[in-house]
Structures are given as structure tokens and as C-alpha cells.
Amino acid sequence: MTFANAVSILAPIVNCIQLFPQLYKTYQTKHVNDLSMYSLCLFLFASILWLLHGYFIQDMSLMTAGIISVTVNVCLIVLFFKYHQRM
């Protein structure tokens, strides 16, 4: 495996897990004071673009990472609105 192949596999994995800690913390604490809706929307938009890019070039690792990233971002946005209403 070449370095380029390793990076092409590792990058989508890191991309799709980047918000898991934030999702866990938000769910546990039920606080969204430190979350920015603008950032969440930008992450969601970027995830959708990566998903579409993976689809167009038929790269299963990009499509899988895109689906996971979109799901995590949507969950964070839902939690944002759910817990933001409590404040």
C-alpha cells in the first residue's frame, strides 16, 4: 500500500469521526451553549459535498464517510434545537 492510498483511506475515516466527541458531549450534558449553528451547517454542507463527490467518482470510502458525517451532523443539529429550546 502506498502512502497516497493510506491517506485516501484514512482521511474519510477521520472526517466522519471528527464530530463524535461533540455529539457525545452534547447528548451527555444536554447543553448547546458552546455550539455554533453556523459551524454545524457548514460541516453539514461540507459532508454533503464529500458524499456527492464520492458518488460521482464511485469511491465507496468517501460515500460511506459522507453518509456517516451527514448523519452525525444532522443529529447534532437536532440536539441543538432540542436543547436550545430549554434555555
PDB file of N, CA and C in Angstrom:
ATOM      1  N   MET A   1       0.854  -1.179   0.000  1.00  0.00           N
ATOM      2  CA  MET A   1       0.000   0.000   0.000  1.00  0.00           C
ATOM      3  C   MET A   1       0.900   1.242   0.000  1.00  0.00           C
ATOM      4  N   THR A   2       0.596   2.156  -0.869  1.00  0.00           N
ATOM      5  CA  THR A   2       1.378   3.386  -0.950  1.00  0.00           C
ATOM      6  C   THR A   2       0.876   4.393   0.079  1.00  0.00           C
ATOM      7  N   PHE A   3       1.695   5.399   0.287  1.00  0.00           N
ATOM      8  CA  PHE A   3       1.310   6.466   1.224  1.00  0.00           C
ATOM      9  C   PHE A   3       0.033   7.153   0.753  1.00  0.00           C
ATOM     10  N   ALA A   4      -0.086   7.382  -0.557  1.00  0.00           N
ATOM     11  CA  ALA A   4      -1.288   8.038  -1.101  1.00  0.00           C
ATOM     12  C   ALA A   4      -2.535   7.200  -0.847  1.00  0.00           C
ATOM     13  N   ASN A   5      -2.426   5.887  -0.996  1.00  0.00           N
ATOM     14  CA  ASN A   5      -3.571   5.003  -0.725  1.00  0.00           C
ATOM     15  C   ASN A   5      -3.952   5.045   0.747  1.00  0.00           C
ATOM     16  N   ALA A   6      -2.954   5.054   1.610  1.00  0.00           N
ATOM     17  CA  ALA A   6      -3.229   5.118   3.049  1.00  0.00           C
ATOM     18  C   ALA A   6      -3.939   6.412   3.413  1.00  0.00           C
ATOM     19  N   VAL A   7      -3.491   7.506   2.847  1.00  0.00           N
ATOM     20  CA  VAL A   7      -4.124   8.800   3.111  1.00  0.00           C
ATOM     21  C   VAL A   7      -5.549   8.810   2.567  1.00  0.00           C
ATOM     22  N   SER A   8      -5.767   8.223   1.393  1.00  0.00           N
ATOM     23  CA  SER A   8      -7.112   8.223   0.803  1.00  0.00           C
ATOM     24  C   SER A   8      -8.085   7.374   1.605  1.00  0.00           C
ATOM     25  N   ILE A   9      -7.587   6.454   2.396  1.00  0.00           N
ATOM     26  CA  ILE A   9      -8.447   5.660   3.269  1.00  0.00           C
ATOM     27  C   ILE A   9      -8.603   6.333   4.632  1.00  0.00           C
ATOM     28  N   LEU A  10      -7.518   6.890   5.157  1.00  0.00           N
ATOM     29  CA  LEU A  10      -7.539   7.496   6.484  1.00  0.00           C
ATOM     30  C   LEU A  10      -8.327   8.811   6.534  1.00  0.00           C
ATOM     31  N   ALA A  11      -8.219   9.629   5.510  1.00  0.00           N
ATOM     32  CA  ALA A  11      -8.873  10.943   5.504  1.00  0.00           C
ATOM     33  C   ALA A  11     -10.396  10.842   5.686  1.00  0.00           C
ATOM     34  N   PRO A  12     -11.094  10.002   4.935  1.00  0.00           N
ATOM     35  CA  PRO A  12     -12.544   9.907   5.163  1.00  0.00           C
ATOM     36  C   PRO A  12     -12.904   9.366   6.544  1.00  0.00           C
ATOM     37  N   ILE A  13     -12.078   8.463   7.072  1.00  0.00           N
ATOM     38  CA  ILE A  13     -12.353   7.921   8.402  1.00  0.00           C
ATOM     39  C   ILE A  13     -12.270   9.022   9.452  1.00  0.00           C
ATOM     40  N   VAL A  14     -11.192   9.806   9.396  1.00  0.00           N
ATOM     41  CA  VAL A  14     -11.026  10.904  10.352  1.00  0.00           C
ATOM     42  C   VAL A  14     -12.136  11.931  10.163  1.00  0.00           C
ATOM     43  N   ASN A  15     -12.488  12.203   8.919  1.00  0.00           N
ATOM     44  CA  ASN A  15     -13.539  13.175   8.638  1.00  0.00           C
ATOM     45  C   ASN A  15     -14.872  12.749   9.245  1.00  0.00           C
ATOM     46  N   CYS A  16     -15.196  11.475   9.147  1.00  0.00           N
ATOM     47  CA  CYS A  16     -16.515  11.057   9.624  1.00  0.00           C
ATOM     48  C   CYS A  16     -16.573  10.910  11.138  1.00  0.00           C
ATOM     49  N   ILE A  17     -15.438  10.803  11.823  1.00  0.00           N
ATOM     50  CA  ILE A  17     -15.482  10.681  13.282  1.00  0.00           C
ATOM     51  C   ILE A  17     -15.169  11.990  14.008  1.00  0.00           C
ATOM     52  N   GLN A  18     -14.901  13.046  13.261  1.00  0.00           N
ATOM     53  CA  GLN A  18     -14.470  14.296  13.892  1.00  0.00           C
ATOM     54  C   GLN A  18     -15.498  14.895  14.841  1.00  0.00           C
ATOM     55  N   LEU A  19     -16.768  14.678  14.610  1.00  0.00           N
ATOM     56  CA  LEU A  19     -17.789  15.280  15.469  1.00  0.00           C
ATOM     57  C   LEU A  19     -18.394  14.316  16.485  1.00  0.00           C
ATOM     58  N   PHE A  20     -17.932  13.073  16.518  1.00  0.00           N
ATOM     59  CA  PHE A  20     -18.446  12.131  17.512  1.00  0.00           C
ATOM     60  C   PHE A  20     -18.229  12.610  18.939  1.00  0.00           C
ATOM     61  N   PRO A  21     -17.048  13.133  19.299  1.00  0.00           N
ATOM     62  CA  PRO A  21     -16.890  13.624  20.674  1.00  0.00           C
ATOM     63  C   PRO A  21     -17.867  14.747  21.030  1.00  0.00           C
ATOM     64  N   GLN A  22     -18.111  15.641  20.067  1.00  0.00           N
ATOM     65  CA  GLN A  22     -19.053  16.732  20.315  1.00  0.00           C
ATOM     66  C   GLN A  22     -20.470  16.209  20.453  1.00  0.00           C
ATOM     67  N   LEU A  23     -20.833  15.245  19.641  1.00  0.00           N
ATOM     68  CA  LEU A  23     -22.164  14.639  19.737  1.00  0.00           C
ATOM     69  C   LEU A  23     -22.338  13.964  21.090  1.00  0.00           C
ATOM     70  N   TYR A  24     -21.346  13.231  21.542  1.00  0.00           N
ATOM     71  CA  TYR A  24     -21.404  12.558  22.835  1.00  0.00           C
ATOM     72  C   TYR A  24     -21.529  13.570  23.981  1.00  0.00           C
ATOM     73  N   LYS A  25     -20.699  14.610  23.939  1.00  0.00           N
ATOM     74  CA  LYS A  25     -20.732  15.614  24.999  1.00  0.00           C
ATOM     75  C   LYS A  25     -22.075  16.338  25.026  1.00  0.00           C
ATOM     76  N   THR A  26     -22.581  16.684  23.871  1.00  0.00           N
ATOM     77  CA  THR A  26     -23.868  17.382  23.804  1.00  0.00           C
ATOM     78  C   THR A  26     -24.985  16.510  24.352  1.00  0.00           C
ATOM     79  N   TYR A  27     -24.965  15.234  23.987  1.00  0.00           N
ATOM     80  CA  TYR A  27     -26.000  14.316  24.475  1.00  0.00           C
ATOM     81  C   TYR A  27     -25.896  14.121  25.981  1.00  0.00           C
ATOM     82  N   GLN A  28     -24.692  13.999  26.497  1.00  0.00           N
ATOM     83  CA  GLN A  28     -24.498  13.761  27.931  1.00  0.00           C
ATOM     84  C   GLN A  28     -24.856  14.984  28.778  1.00  0.00           C
ATOM     85  N   THR A  29     -24.386  16.167  28.350  1.00  0.00           N
ATOM     86  CA  THR A  29     -24.581  17.370  29.165  1.00  0.00           C
ATOM     87  C   THR A  29     -25.900  18.067  28.888  1.00  0.00           C
ATOM     88  N   LYS A  30     -26.455  17.822  27.714  1.00  0.00           N
ATOM     89  CA  LYS A  30     -27.701  18.464  27.277  1.00  0.00           C
ATOM     90  C   LYS A  30     -27.573  19.988  27.238  1.00  0.00           C
ATOM     91  N   HIS A  31     -26.354  20.454  26.957  1.00  0.00           N
ATOM     92  CA  HIS A  31     -26.072  21.879  26.806  1.00  0.00           C
ATOM     93  C   HIS A  31     -25.504  22.140  25.416  1.00  0.00           C
ATOM     94  N   VAL A  32     -25.997  23.205  24.803  1.00  0.00           N
ATOM     95  CA  VAL A  32     -25.529  23.561  23.460  1.00  0.00           C
ATOM     96  C   VAL A  32     -25.016  25.000  23.411  1.00  0.00           C
ATOM     97  N   ASN A  33     -24.724  25.555  24.580  1.00  0.00           N
ATOM     98  CA  ASN A  33     -24.287  26.959  24.632  1.00  0.00           C
ATOM     99  C   ASN A  33     -23.042  27.221  23.801  1.00  0.00           C
ATOM    100  N   ASP A  34     -22.140  26.265  23.754  1.00  0.00           N
ATOM    101  CA  ASP A  34     -20.878  26.466  23.046  1.00  0.00           C
ATOM    102  C   ASP A  34     -20.921  26.044  21.586  1.00  0.00           C
ATOM    103  N   LEU A  35     -22.046  25.550  21.122  1.00  0.00           N
ATOM    104  CA  LEU A  35     -22.152  25.138  19.722  1.00  0.00           C
ATOM    105  C   LEU A  35     -22.583  26.309  18.846  1.00  0.00           C
ATOM    106  N   SER A  36     -22.004  26.363  17.675  1.00  0.00           N
ATOM    107  CA  SER A  36     -22.371  27.380  16.698  1.00  0.00           C
ATOM    108  C   SER A  36     -23.207  26.730  15.597  1.00  0.00           C
ATOM    109  N   MET A  37     -24.422  27.226  15.405  1.00  0.00           N
ATOM    110  CA  MET A  37     -25.275  26.692  14.344  1.00  0.00           C
ATOM    111  C   MET A  37     -24.641  26.908  12.973  1.00  0.00           C
ATOM    112  N   TYR A  38     -23.943  28.024  12.814  1.00  0.00           N
ATOM    113  CA  TYR A  38     -23.269  28.296  11.539  1.00  0.00           C
ATOM    114  C   TYR A  38     -22.214  27.239  11.245  1.00  0.00           C
ATOM    115  N   SER A  39     -21.438  26.867  12.257  1.00  0.00           N
ATOM    116  CA  SER A  39     -20.421  25.830  12.076  1.00  0.00           C
ATOM    117  C   SER A  39     -21.060  24.489  11.765  1.00  0.00           C
ATOM    118  N   LEU A  40     -22.121  24.157  12.477  1.00  0.00           N
ATOM    119  CA  LEU A  40     -22.798  22.889  12.221  1.00  0.00           C
ATOM    120  C   LEU A  40     -23.342  22.829  10.793  1.00  0.00           C
ATOM    121  N   CYS A  41     -23.898  23.931  10.331  1.00  0.00           N
ATOM    122  CA  CYS A  41     -24.425  23.977   8.963  1.00  0.00           C
ATOM    123  C   CYS A  41     -23.300  23.877   7.929  1.00  0.00           C
ATOM    124  N   LEU A  42     -22.172  24.516   8.213  1.00  0.00           N
ATOM    125  CA  LEU A  42     -21.029  24.407   7.302  1.00  0.00           C
ATOM    126  C   LEU A  42     -20.481  22.987   7.273  1.00  0.00           C
ATOM    127  N   PHE A  43     -20.392  22.339   8.433  1.00  0.00           N
ATOM    128  CA  PHE A  43     -19.956  20.942   8.478  1.00  0.00           C
ATOM    129  C   PHE A  43     -20.921  20.059   7.695  1.00  0.00           C
ATOM    130  N   LEU A  44     -22.211  20.313   7.854  1.00  0.00           N
ATOM    131  CA  LEU A  44     -23.209  19.522   7.131  1.00  0.00           C
ATOM    132  C   LEU A  44     -23.076  19.721   5.629  1.00  0.00           C
ATOM    133  N   PHE A  45     -22.920  20.963   5.209  1.00  0.00           N
ATOM    134  CA  PHE A  45     -22.758  21.266   3.780  1.00  0.00           C
ATOM    135  C   PHE A  45     -21.510  20.588   3.228  1.00  0.00           C
ATOM    136  N   ALA A  46     -20.405  20.663   3.957  1.00  0.00           N
ATOM    137  CA  ALA A  46     -19.160  20.022   3.520  1.00  0.00           C
ATOM    138  C   ALA A  46     -19.336  18.503   3.448  1.00  0.00           C
ATOM    139  N   SER A  47     -20.041  17.927   4.402  1.00  0.00           N
ATOM    140  CA  SER A  47     -20.267  16.483   4.395  1.00  0.00           C
ATOM    141  C   SER A  47     -21.104  16.059   3.192  1.00  0.00           C
ATOM    142  N   ILE A  48     -22.102  16.847   2.873  1.00  0.00           N
ATOM    143  CA  ILE A  48     -22.934  16.550   1.702  1.00  0.00           C
ATOM    144  C   ILE A  48     -22.101  16.644   0.427  1.00  0.00           C
ATOM    145  N   LEU A  49     -21.238  17.651   0.348  1.00  0.00           N
ATOM    146  CA  LEU A  49     -20.373  17.774  -0.831  1.00  0.00           C
ATOM    147  C   LEU A  49     -19.426  16.585  -0.962  1.00  0.00           C
ATOM    148  N   TRP A  50     -18.831  16.137   0.161  1.00  0.00           N
ATOM    149  CA  TRP A  50     -17.953  14.964   0.112  1.00  0.00           C
ATOM    150  C   TRP A  50     -18.734  13.716  -0.292  1.00  0.00           C
ATOM    151  N   LEU A  51     -19.947  13.582   0.207  1.00  0.00           N
ATOM    152  CA  LEU A  51     -20.792  12.453  -0.170  1.00  0.00           C
ATOM    153  C   LEU A  51     -21.076  12.468  -1.667  1.00  0.00           C
ATOM    154  N   LEU A  52     -21.442  13.628  -2.190  1.00  0.00           N
ATOM    155  CA  LEU A  52     -21.705  13.745  -3.633  1.00  0.00           C
ATOM    156  C   LEU A  52     -20.450  13.484  -4.458  1.00  0.00           C
ATOM    157  N   HIS A  53     -19.332  14.004  -4.002  1.00  0.00           N
ATOM    158  CA  HIS A  53     -18.065  13.770  -4.709  1.00  0.00           C
ATOM    159  C   HIS A  53     -17.753  12.273  -4.747  1.00  0.00           C
ATOM    160  N   GLY A  54     -17.921  11.604  -3.610  1.00  0.00           N
ATOM    161  CA  GLY A  54     -17.696  10.158  -3.574  1.00  0.00           C
ATOM    162  C   GLY A  54     -18.624   9.410  -4.509  1.00  0.00           C
ATOM    163  N   TYR A  55     -19.872   9.866  -4.588  1.00  0.00           N
ATOM    164  CA  TYR A  55     -20.831   9.243  -5.502  1.00  0.00           C
ATOM    165  C   TYR A  55     -20.413   9.433  -6.957  1.00  0.00           C
ATOM    166  N   PHE A  56     -20.021  10.645  -7.303  1.00  0.00           N
ATOM    167  CA  PHE A  56     -19.670  10.926  -8.695  1.00  0.00           C
ATOM    168  C   PHE A  56     -18.418  10.179  -9.139  1.00  0.00           C
ATOM    169  N   ILE A  57     -17.466   9.970  -8.252  1.00  0.00           N
ATOM    170  CA  ILE A  57     -16.256   9.244  -8.640  1.00  0.00           C
ATOM    171  C   ILE A  57     -16.333   7.769  -8.235  1.00  0.00           C
ATOM    172  N   GLN A  58     -17.478   7.354  -7.689  1.00  0.00           N
ATOM    173  CA  GLN A  58     -17.728   5.975  -7.276  1.00  0.00           C
ATOM    174  C   GLN A  58     -16.676   5.466  -6.289  1.00  0.00           C
ATOM    175  N   ASP A  59     -16.411   6.295  -5.250  1.00  0.00           N
ATOM    176  CA  ASP A  59     -15.472   5.925  -4.195  1.00  0.00           C
ATOM    177  C   ASP A  59     -16.275   5.551  -2.953  1.00  0.00           C
ATOM    178  N   MET A  60     -16.299   4.257  -2.650  1.00  0.00           N
ATOM    179  CA  MET A  60     -17.125   3.761  -1.557  1.00  0.00           C
ATOM    180  C   MET A  60     -16.693   4.319  -0.197  1.00  0.00           C
ATOM    181  N   SER A  61     -15.382   4.541   0.010  1.00  0.00           N
ATOM    182  CA  SER A  61     -14.947   5.068   1.303  1.00  0.00           C
ATOM    183  C   SER A  61     -15.422   6.501   1.502  1.00  0.00           C
ATOM    184  N   LEU A  62     -15.423   7.304   0.451  1.00  0.00           N
ATOM    185  CA  LEU A  62     -15.930   8.676   0.556  1.00  0.00           C
ATOM    186  C   LEU A  62     -17.441   8.697   0.757  1.00  0.00           C
ATOM    187  N   MET A  63     -18.139   7.814   0.067  1.00  0.00           N
ATOM    188  CA  MET A  63     -19.592   7.769   0.224  1.00  0.00           C
ATOM    189  C   MET A  63     -19.970   7.314   1.637  1.00  0.00           C
ATOM    190  N   THR A  64     -19.287   6.308   2.152  1.00  0.00           N
ATOM    191  CA  THR A  64     -19.566   5.826   3.500  1.00  0.00           C
ATOM    192  C   THR A  64     -19.276   6.902   4.534  1.00  0.00           C
ATOM    193  N   ALA A  65     -18.117   7.540   4.407  1.00  0.00           N
ATOM    194  CA  ALA A  65     -17.763   8.622   5.332  1.00  0.00           C
ATOM    195  C   ALA A  65     -18.758   9.772   5.220  1.00  0.00           C
ATOM    196  N   GLY A  66     -19.192  10.074   4.002  1.00  0.00           N
ATOM    197  CA  GLY A  66     -20.169  11.142   3.799  1.00  0.00           C
ATOM    198  C   GLY A  66     -21.492  10.842   4.475  1.00  0.00           C
ATOM    199  N   ILE A  67     -21.943   9.608   4.347  1.00  0.00           N
ATOM    200  CA  ILE A  67     -23.213   9.221   4.982  1.00  0.00           C
ATOM    201  C   ILE A  67     -23.100   9.309   6.499  1.00  0.00           C
ATOM    202  N   ILE A  68     -21.999   8.818   7.045  1.00  0.00           N
ATOM    203  CA  ILE A  68     -21.806   8.871   8.499  1.00  0.00           C
ATOM    204  C   ILE A  68     -21.705  10.325   8.967  1.00  0.00           C
ATOM    205  N   SER A  69     -20.956  11.140   8.236  1.00  0.00           N
ATOM    206  CA  SER A  69     -20.788  12.551   8.612  1.00  0.00           C
ATOM    207  C   SER A  69     -22.104  13.309   8.545  1.00  0.00           C
ATOM    208  N   VAL A  70     -22.870  13.082   7.509  1.00  0.00           N
ATOM    209  CA  VAL A  70     -24.178  13.741   7.391  1.00  0.00           C
ATOM    210  C   VAL A  70     -25.067  13.331   8.556  1.00  0.00           C
ATOM    211  N   THR A  71     -25.064  12.057   8.890  1.00  0.00           N
ATOM    212  CA  THR A  71     -25.889  11.561   9.995  1.00  0.00           C
ATOM    213  C   THR A  71     -25.493  12.211  11.323  1.00  0.00           C
ATOM    214  N   VAL A  72     -24.197  12.267  11.602  1.00  0.00           N
ATOM    215  CA  VAL A  72     -23.726  12.871  12.858  1.00  0.00           C
ATOM    216  C   VAL A  72     -24.074  14.355  12.891  1.00  0.00           C
ATOM    217  N   ASN A  73     -23.880  15.053  11.768  1.00  0.00           N
ATOM    218  CA  ASN A  73     -24.200  16.477  11.712  1.00  0.00           C
ATOM    219  C   ASN A  73     -25.685  16.728  11.912  1.00  0.00           C
ATOM    220  N   VAL A  74     -26.521  15.923  11.291  1.00  0.00           N
ATOM    221  CA  VAL A  74     -27.968  16.087  11.457  1.00  0.00           C
ATOM    222  C   VAL A  74     -28.349  15.823  12.916  1.00  0.00           C
ATOM    223  N   CYS A  75     -27.753  14.802  13.532  1.00  0.00           N
ATOM    224  CA  CYS A  75     -28.032  14.528  14.949  1.00  0.00           C
ATOM    225  C   CYS A  75     -27.643  15.720  15.820  1.00  0.00           C
ATOM    226  N   LEU A  76     -26.490  16.319  15.557  1.00  0.00           N
ATOM    227  CA  LEU A  76     -26.072  17.487  16.335  1.00  0.00           C
ATOM    228  C   LEU A  76     -27.021  18.662  16.140  1.00  0.00           C
ATOM    229  N   ILE A  77     -27.469  18.868  14.926  1.00  0.00           N
ATOM    230  CA  ILE A  77     -28.399  19.971  14.662  1.00  0.00           C
ATOM    231  C   ILE A  77     -29.729  19.728  15.370  1.00  0.00           C
ATOM    232  N   VAL A  78     -30.204  18.480  15.344  1.00  0.00           N
ATOM    233  CA  VAL A  78     -31.443  18.150  16.047  1.00  0.00           C
ATOM    234  C   VAL A  78     -31.277  18.394  17.545  1.00  0.00           C
ATOM    235  N   LEU A  79     -30.158  17.931  18.114  1.00  0.00           N
ATOM    236  CA  LEU A  79     -29.902  18.163  19.536  1.00  0.00           C
ATOM    237  C   LEU A  79     -29.780  19.651  19.845  1.00  0.00           C
ATOM    238  N   PHE A  80     -29.191  20.399  18.927  1.00  0.00           N
ATOM    239  CA  PHE A  80     -29.058  21.842  19.123  1.00  0.00           C
ATOM    240  C   PHE A  80     -30.439  22.467  19.314  1.00  0.00           C
ATOM    241  N   PHE A  81     -31.359  22.148  18.417  1.00  0.00           N
ATOM    242  CA  PHE A  81     -32.701  22.726  18.525  1.00  0.00           C
ATOM    243  C   PHE A  81     -33.466  22.165  19.716  1.00  0.00           C
ATOM    244  N   LYS A  82     -33.263  20.898  20.015  1.00  0.00           N
ATOM    245  CA  LYS A  82     -33.959  20.293  21.152  1.00  0.00           C
ATOM    246  C   LYS A  82     -33.508  20.931  22.474  1.00  0.00           C
ATOM    247  N   TYR A  83     -32.211  21.070  22.673  1.00  0.00           N
ATOM    248  CA  TYR A  83     -31.699  21.571  23.934  1.00  0.00           C
ATOM    249  C   TYR A  83     -31.646  23.095  23.977  1.00  0.00           C
ATOM    250  N   HIS A  84     -31.631  23.727  22.820  1.00  0.00           N
ATOM    251  CA  HIS A  84     -31.617  25.188  22.785  1.00  0.00           C
ATOM    252  C   HIS A  84     -32.954  25.746  23.275  1.00  0.00           C
ATOM    253  N   GLN A  85     -34.009  25.022  23.051  1.00  0.00           N
ATOM    254  CA  GLN A  85     -35.339  25.450  23.475  1.00  0.00           C
ATOM    255  C   GLN A  85     -35.480  25.443  24.999  1.00  0.00           C
ATOM    256  N   ARG A  86     -34.664  24.637  25.674  1.00  0.00           N
ATOM    257  CA  ARG A  86     -34.744  24.529  27.136  1.00  0.00           C
ATOM    258  C   ARG A  86     -34.157  25.734  27.841  1.00  0.00           C
ATOM    259  N   MET A  87     -33.313  26.484  27.166  1.00  0.00           N
ATOM    260  CA  MET A  87     -32.597  27.592  27.815  1.00  0.00           C
ATOM    261  C   MET A  87     -33.529  28.718  28.164  1.00  0.00           C
TER     262      MET A  87
END
